[in-house]
Amino acid sequence: MNIIYCLFKLIAGIYYQSIWFITFAVYYFLLSFMRVTLLHSVRKNDLGKDIRKEYQKLKTCGILLLLLDIILCGIIILIIHHNQSIHYAGYIIYLVALYDFYFIIRAFMDVFQYRKHTSPILTANKCIHLTVAMIAMLSLEVAMITQFGGVEDASFKVIMVSCSGFFICLINFLMSIWMIVKANQNLKIMR
């Protein structure tokens, strides 16, 4: 589903000639690639067998999320500075909203469903999934304000995107640092 969503954003970016859509498509693709690589490297049966390797992957994912958070902050600043808008033709915005709400609900369900699993791979996967879902909601927020707001809502858009973007970047930053610290602590114990 994530890769299909990436392709949708990429096609929309090419069709609407929007660097914004293309940037988000690349960002989603990188996050999806991290998830696929993470899950592909460890089979479900192998979870917990090589804990050291799993913690190394958790640390790597934390570092990559931290670097991607810098890019995300840049994207959010561009949205605000250039007053970027997202326009979906017709009813497409409702399909995007449906998918994005499914995505964020699913991300939170995964966090609670797998909270008892101690596998670092599952932890990293949950964090990446939550990041992708929050960014999808930010994109939807911009599209909804553009679609249903008026011209007088420009300052409202700046305030909302600034606040949402700040909290998303903060959550991603804290999640990345937590992943790195947790991995380092456990790797030191295993030496």
C-alpha atoms as a PDB file:
ATOM      1  CA  MET A   1       0.000   0.000   0.000  1.00  0.00           C
ATOM      2  CA  ASN A   2       2.817   2.406   0.832  1.00  0.00           C
ATOM      3  CA  ILE A   3       4.484   1.920  -2.522  1.00  0.00           C
ATOM      4  CA  ILE A   4       1.162   2.406  -4.311  1.00  0.00           C
ATOM      5  CA  TYR A   5       0.719   5.646  -2.357  1.00  0.00           C
ATOM      6  CA  CYS A   6       4.259   6.714  -3.363  1.00  0.00           C
ATOM      7  CA  LEU A   7       3.440   6.044  -6.997  1.00  0.00           C
ATOM      8  CA  PHE A   8       0.173   7.980  -6.664  1.00  0.00           C
ATOM      9  CA  LYS A   9       2.053  11.008  -5.264  1.00  0.00           C
ATOM     10  CA  LEU A  10       4.699  10.727  -7.991  1.00  0.00           C
ATOM     11  CA  ILE A  11       2.108  10.512 -10.787  1.00  0.00           C
ATOM     12  CA  ALA A  12       0.158  13.417  -9.260  1.00  0.00           C
ATOM     13  CA  GLY A  13       3.408  15.409  -9.067  1.00  0.00           C
ATOM     14  CA  ILE A  14       4.196  14.776 -12.702  1.00  0.00           C
ATOM     15  CA  TYR A  15       0.607  15.426 -13.829  1.00  0.00           C
ATOM     16  CA  TYR A  16       0.232  18.657 -11.829  1.00  0.00           C
ATOM     17  CA  GLN A  17       3.890  19.606 -12.375  1.00  0.00           C
ATOM     18  CA  SER A  18       4.263  19.894  -8.601  1.00  0.00           C
ATOM     19  CA  ILE A  19       7.696  19.652  -7.027  1.00  0.00           C
ATOM     20  CA  TRP A  20       5.824  19.356  -3.725  1.00  0.00           C
ATOM     21  CA  PHE A  21       4.124  16.067  -4.709  1.00  0.00           C
ATOM     22  CA  ILE A  22       7.333  14.696  -6.191  1.00  0.00           C
ATOM     23  CA  THR A  23       9.296  15.569  -3.034  1.00  0.00           C
ATOM     24  CA  PHE A  24       6.729  13.822  -0.854  1.00  0.00           C
ATOM     25  CA  ALA A  25       6.734  10.824  -3.199  1.00  0.00           C
ATOM     26  CA  VAL A  26      10.509  10.486  -2.849  1.00  0.00           C
ATOM     27  CA  TYR A  27      10.265  10.940   0.936  1.00  0.00           C
ATOM     28  CA  TYR A  28       7.548   8.259   1.192  1.00  0.00           C
ATOM     29  CA  PHE A  29       9.552   5.981  -1.075  1.00  0.00           C
ATOM     30  CA  LEU A  30      12.636   6.274   1.161  1.00  0.00           C
ATOM     31  CA  LEU A  31      10.577   5.455   4.259  1.00  0.00           C
ATOM     32  CA  SER A  32       8.850   2.564   2.473  1.00  0.00           C
ATOM     33  CA  PHE A  33      12.206   1.278   1.264  1.00  0.00           C
ATOM     34  CA  MET A  34      13.476   1.345   4.858  1.00  0.00           C
ATOM     35  CA  ARG A  35      10.465  -0.689   5.997  1.00  0.00           C
ATOM     36  CA  VAL A  36      10.739  -3.223   3.175  1.00  0.00           C
ATOM     37  CA  THR A  37      14.486  -3.637   3.759  1.00  0.00           C
ATOM     38  CA  LEU A  38      13.941  -3.977   7.476  1.00  0.00           C
ATOM     39  CA  LEU A  39      11.216  -6.582   7.198  1.00  0.00           C
ATOM     40  CA  HIS A  40      12.812  -8.424   4.303  1.00  0.00           C
ATOM     41  CA  SER A  41      16.087  -8.878   6.152  1.00  0.00           C
ATOM     42  CA  VAL A  42      14.469 -10.820   8.967  1.00  0.00           C
ATOM     43  CA  ARG A  43      11.903 -13.507   8.422  1.00  0.00           C
ATOM     44  CA  LYS A  44       9.050 -13.727  10.875  1.00  0.00           C
ATOM     45  CA  ASN A  45      10.439 -16.984  12.244  1.00  0.00           C
ATOM     46  CA  ASP A  46      13.864 -15.439  12.768  1.00  0.00           C
ATOM     47  CA  LEU A  47      12.745 -12.603  15.039  1.00  0.00           C
ATOM     48  CA  GLY A  48      14.683 -12.777  18.264  1.00  0.00           C
ATOM     49  CA  LYS A  49      17.366 -15.195  17.037  1.00  0.00           C
ATOM     50  CA  ASP A  50      20.062 -12.602  16.318  1.00  0.00           C
ATOM     51  CA  ILE A  51      19.203  -9.802  18.744  1.00  0.00           C
ATOM     52  CA  ARG A  52      22.523  -8.020  18.192  1.00  0.00           C
ATOM     53  CA  LYS A  53      21.833  -7.708  14.460  1.00  0.00           C
ATOM     54  CA  GLU A  54      18.298  -6.494  15.195  1.00  0.00           C
ATOM     55  CA  TYR A  55      19.569  -3.761  17.530  1.00  0.00           C
ATOM     56  CA  GLN A  56      22.083  -2.684  14.900  1.00  0.00           C
ATOM     57  CA  LYS A  57      19.223  -2.365  12.425  1.00  0.00           C
ATOM     58  CA  LEU A  58      17.209  -0.396  15.006  1.00  0.00           C
ATOM     59  CA  LYS A  59      20.142   1.998  15.417  1.00  0.00           C
ATOM     60  CA  THR A  60      20.552   2.370  11.656  1.00  0.00           C
ATOM     61  CA  CYS A  61      16.842   3.092  11.249  1.00  0.00           C
ATOM     62  CA  GLY A  62      17.017   5.663  14.046  1.00  0.00           C
ATOM     63  CA  ILE A  63      19.920   7.431  12.346  1.00  0.00           C
ATOM     64  CA  LEU A  64      18.176   7.381   8.962  1.00  0.00           C
ATOM     65  CA  LEU A  65      14.930   8.701  10.491  1.00  0.00           C
ATOM     66  CA  LEU A  66      16.938  11.468  12.140  1.00  0.00           C
ATOM     67  CA  LEU A  67      18.448  12.454   8.788  1.00  0.00           C
ATOM     68  CA  LEU A  68      15.066  12.253   7.082  1.00  0.00           C
ATOM     69  CA  ASP A  69      13.647  14.455   9.854  1.00  0.00           C
ATOM     70  CA  ILE A  70      16.011  17.228   8.731  1.00  0.00           C
ATOM     71  CA  ILE A  71      14.629  16.870   5.206  1.00  0.00           C
ATOM     72  CA  LEU A  72      11.082  16.894   6.579  1.00  0.00           C
ATOM     73  CA  CYS A  73      11.766  20.127   8.469  1.00  0.00           C
ATOM     74  CA  GLY A  74      12.983  21.630   5.192  1.00  0.00           C
ATOM     75  CA  ILE A  75       9.836  20.479   3.386  1.00  0.00           C
ATOM     76  CA  ILE A  76       7.640  22.033   6.074  1.00  0.00           C
ATOM     77  CA  ILE A  77       9.567  25.312   5.937  1.00  0.00           C
ATOM     78  CA  LEU A  78       9.107  25.348   2.146  1.00  0.00           C
ATOM     79  CA  ILE A  79       5.379  24.723   2.529  1.00  0.00           C
ATOM     80  CA  ILE A  80       5.084  27.680   4.869  1.00  0.00           C
ATOM     81  CA  HIS A  81       7.541  30.003   3.118  1.00  0.00           C
ATOM     82  CA  HIS A  82       6.237  29.425  -0.415  1.00  0.00           C
ATOM     83  CA  ASN A  83       2.609  28.976   0.673  1.00  0.00           C
ATOM     84  CA  GLN A  84       2.488  25.587  -1.044  1.00  0.00           C
ATOM     85  CA  SER A  85      -0.929  24.227  -1.869  1.00  0.00           C
ATOM     86  CA  ILE A  86      -2.196  20.817  -2.798  1.00  0.00           C
ATOM     87  CA  HIS A  87      -5.072  20.625  -5.236  1.00  0.00           C
ATOM     88  CA  TYR A  88      -6.835  17.367  -5.962  1.00  0.00           C
ATOM     89  CA  ALA A  89      -9.290  17.219  -8.831  1.00  0.00           C
ATOM     90  CA  GLY A  90     -12.876  16.300  -8.005  1.00  0.00           C
ATOM     91  CA  TYR A  91     -13.422  13.614  -5.432  1.00  0.00           C
ATOM     92  CA  ILE A  92      -9.808  12.451  -5.264  1.00  0.00           C
ATOM     93  CA  ILE A  93      -9.324  14.400  -2.021  1.00  0.00           C
ATOM     94  CA  TYR A  94     -11.935  12.169  -0.362  1.00  0.00           C
ATOM     95  CA  LEU A  95     -10.060   9.038  -1.454  1.00  0.00           C
ATOM     96  CA  VAL A  96      -6.803  10.504  -0.167  1.00  0.00           C
ATOM     97  CA  ALA A  97      -8.497  11.406   3.137  1.00  0.00           C
ATOM     98  CA  LEU A  98      -9.936   7.905   3.463  1.00  0.00           C
ATOM     99  CA  TYR A  99      -6.537   6.341   2.867  1.00  0.00           C
ATOM    100  CA  ASP A 100      -4.732   8.756   5.205  1.00  0.00           C
ATOM    101  CA  PHE A 101      -7.189   8.185   8.053  1.00  0.00           C
ATOM    102  CA  TYR A 102      -6.932   4.423   7.538  1.00  0.00           C
ATOM    103  CA  PHE A 103      -3.161   4.794   7.560  1.00  0.00           C
ATOM    104  CA  ILE A 104      -2.945   6.774  10.825  1.00  0.00           C
ATOM    105  CA  ILE A 105      -5.448   4.508  12.583  1.00  0.00           C
ATOM    106  CA  ARG A 106      -3.524   1.449  11.410  1.00  0.00           C
ATOM    107  CA  ALA A 107      -0.235   2.946  12.639  1.00  0.00           C
ATOM    108  CA  PHE A 108      -1.629   3.542  16.126  1.00  0.00           C
ATOM    109  CA  MET A 109      -3.222   0.091  16.163  1.00  0.00           C
ATOM    110  CA  ASP A 110       0.177  -1.451  15.325  1.00  0.00           C
ATOM    111  CA  VAL A 111       1.828   0.485  18.151  1.00  0.00           C
ATOM    112  CA  PHE A 112      -0.650  -0.939  20.655  1.00  0.00           C
ATOM    113  CA  GLN A 113      -0.995  -4.372  19.067  1.00  0.00           C
ATOM    114  CA  TYR A 114       2.733  -5.097  19.038  1.00  0.00           C
ATOM    115  CA  ARG A 115       3.725  -3.247  22.227  1.00  0.00           C
ATOM    116  CA  LYS A 116       4.501  -6.509  24.050  1.00  0.00           C
ATOM    117  CA  HIS A 117       6.847  -7.737  21.313  1.00  0.00           C
ATOM    118  CA  THR A 118      10.428  -7.002  22.265  1.00  0.00           C
ATOM    119  CA  SER A 119      11.855  -7.371  18.781  1.00  0.00           C
ATOM    120  CA  PRO A 120      13.883  -4.292  17.744  1.00  0.00           C
ATOM    121  CA  ILE A 121      12.880  -4.959  14.127  1.00  0.00           C
ATOM    122  CA  LEU A 122       9.181  -4.641  14.973  1.00  0.00           C
ATOM    123  CA  THR A 123       9.930  -1.524  17.022  1.00  0.00           C
ATOM    124  CA  ALA A 124      11.745   0.112  14.106  1.00  0.00           C
ATOM    125  CA  ASN A 125       8.945  -0.879  11.732  1.00  0.00           C
ATOM    126  CA  LYS A 126       6.305   0.663  14.022  1.00  0.00           C
ATOM    127  CA  CYS A 127       8.271   3.904  14.252  1.00  0.00           C
ATOM    128  CA  ILE A 128       8.686   4.174  10.483  1.00  0.00           C
ATOM    129  CA  HIS A 129       5.005   3.358   9.956  1.00  0.00           C
ATOM    130  CA  LEU A 130       3.989   6.072  12.418  1.00  0.00           C
ATOM    131  CA  THR A 131       6.273   8.596  10.681  1.00  0.00           C
ATOM    132  CA  VAL A 132       4.755   7.850   7.281  1.00  0.00           C
ATOM    133  CA  ALA A 133       1.234   8.134   8.707  1.00  0.00           C
ATOM    134  CA  MET A 134       1.921  11.492  10.366  1.00  0.00           C
ATOM    135  CA  ILE A 135       3.394  12.916   7.175  1.00  0.00           C
ATOM    136  CA  ALA A 136       0.382  11.693   5.210  1.00  0.00           C
ATOM    137  CA  MET A 137      -1.863  13.535   7.666  1.00  0.00           C
ATOM    138  CA  LEU A 138       0.189  16.731   7.239  1.00  0.00           C
ATOM    139  CA  SER A 139      -0.174  16.471   3.485  1.00  0.00           C
ATOM    140  CA  LEU A 140      -3.923  15.929   3.898  1.00  0.00           C
ATOM    141  CA  GLU A 141      -4.144  18.943   6.215  1.00  0.00           C
ATOM    142  CA  VAL A 142      -2.586  21.195   3.571  1.00  0.00           C
ATOM    143  CA  ALA A 143      -4.898  19.768   0.890  1.00  0.00           C
ATOM    144  CA  MET A 144      -8.028  20.191   3.040  1.00  0.00           C
ATOM    145  CA  ILE A 145      -7.212  23.803   3.923  1.00  0.00           C
ATOM    146  CA  THR A 146      -6.532  24.520   0.267  1.00  0.00           C
ATOM    147  CA  GLN A 147      -9.678  22.745  -0.951  1.00  0.00           C
ATOM    148  CA  PHE A 148     -12.176  23.908   1.646  1.00  0.00           C
ATOM    149  CA  GLY A 149     -10.650  27.116   2.996  1.00  0.00           C
ATOM    150  CA  GLY A 150     -10.962  30.560   1.527  1.00  0.00           C
ATOM    151  CA  VAL A 151      -8.415  33.190   0.617  1.00  0.00           C
ATOM    152  CA  GLU A 152      -8.731  34.629   4.120  1.00  0.00           C
ATOM    153  CA  ASP A 153      -7.490  31.303   5.537  1.00  0.00           C
ATOM    154  CA  ALA A 154      -3.865  31.925   4.498  1.00  0.00           C
ATOM    155  CA  SER A 155      -2.776  32.884   8.019  1.00  0.00           C
ATOM    156  CA  PHE A 156      -4.770  29.962   9.437  1.00  0.00           C
ATOM    157  CA  LYS A 157      -2.914  27.633   7.065  1.00  0.00           C
ATOM    158  CA  VAL A 158       0.465  29.005   8.148  1.00  0.00           C
ATOM    159  CA  ILE A 159      -0.410  28.573  11.830  1.00  0.00           C
ATOM    160  CA  MET A 160      -1.837  25.076  11.410  1.00  0.00           C
ATOM    161  CA  VAL A 161       0.952  23.752   9.189  1.00  0.00           C
ATOM    162  CA  SER A 162       3.582  25.332  11.451  1.00  0.00           C
ATOM    163  CA  CYS A 163       2.116  23.748  14.577  1.00  0.00           C
ATOM    164  CA  SER A 164       1.451  20.353  12.976  1.00  0.00           C
ATOM    165  CA  GLY A 165       4.824  20.321  11.256  1.00  0.00           C
ATOM    166  CA  PHE A 166       6.637  21.274  14.460  1.00  0.00           C
ATOM    167  CA  PHE A 167       4.985  18.469  16.431  1.00  0.00           C
ATOM    168  CA  ILE A 168       5.576  15.904  13.677  1.00  0.00           C
ATOM    169  CA  CYS A 169       9.256  16.868  13.450  1.00  0.00           C
ATOM    170  CA  LEU A 170       9.543  16.827  17.243  1.00  0.00           C
ATOM    171  CA  ILE A 171       7.915  13.391  17.525  1.00  0.00           C
ATOM    172  CA  ASN A 172      10.154  12.041  14.737  1.00  0.00           C
ATOM    173  CA  PHE A 173      13.228  13.558  16.398  1.00  0.00           C
ATOM    174  CA  LEU A 174      12.396  12.083  19.802  1.00  0.00           C
ATOM    175  CA  MET A 175      11.512   8.719  18.260  1.00  0.00           C
ATOM    176  CA  SER A 176      14.826   8.640  16.346  1.00  0.00           C
ATOM    177  CA  ILE A 177      16.871   9.565  19.404  1.00  0.00           C
ATOM    178  CA  TRP A 178      15.000   6.962  21.473  1.00  0.00           C
ATOM    179  CA  MET A 179      15.735   4.276  18.851  1.00  0.00           C
ATOM    180  CA  ILE A 180      19.446   5.153  18.769  1.00  0.00           C
ATOM    181  CA  VAL A 181      19.782   5.312  22.565  1.00  0.00           C
ATOM    182  CA  LYS A 182      17.853   2.071  23.097  1.00  0.00           C
ATOM    183  CA  ALA A 183      19.969   0.277  20.494  1.00  0.00           C
ATOM    184  CA  ASN A 184      23.241   1.631  21.941  1.00  0.00           C
ATOM    185  CA  GLN A 185      22.290   0.628  25.480  1.00  0.00           C
ATOM    186  CA  ASN A 186      21.423  -2.904  24.452  1.00  0.00           C
ATOM    187  CA  LEU A 187      24.474  -3.267  22.213  1.00  0.00           C
ATOM    188  CA  LYS A 188      26.729  -2.236  25.128  1.00  0.00           C
ATOM    189  CA  ILE A 189      25.118  -4.871  27.348  1.00  0.00           C
ATOM    190  CA  MET A 190      25.749  -7.543  24.695  1.00  0.00           C
ATOM    191  CA  ARG A 191      29.484  -6.868  24.394  1.00  0.00           C
END
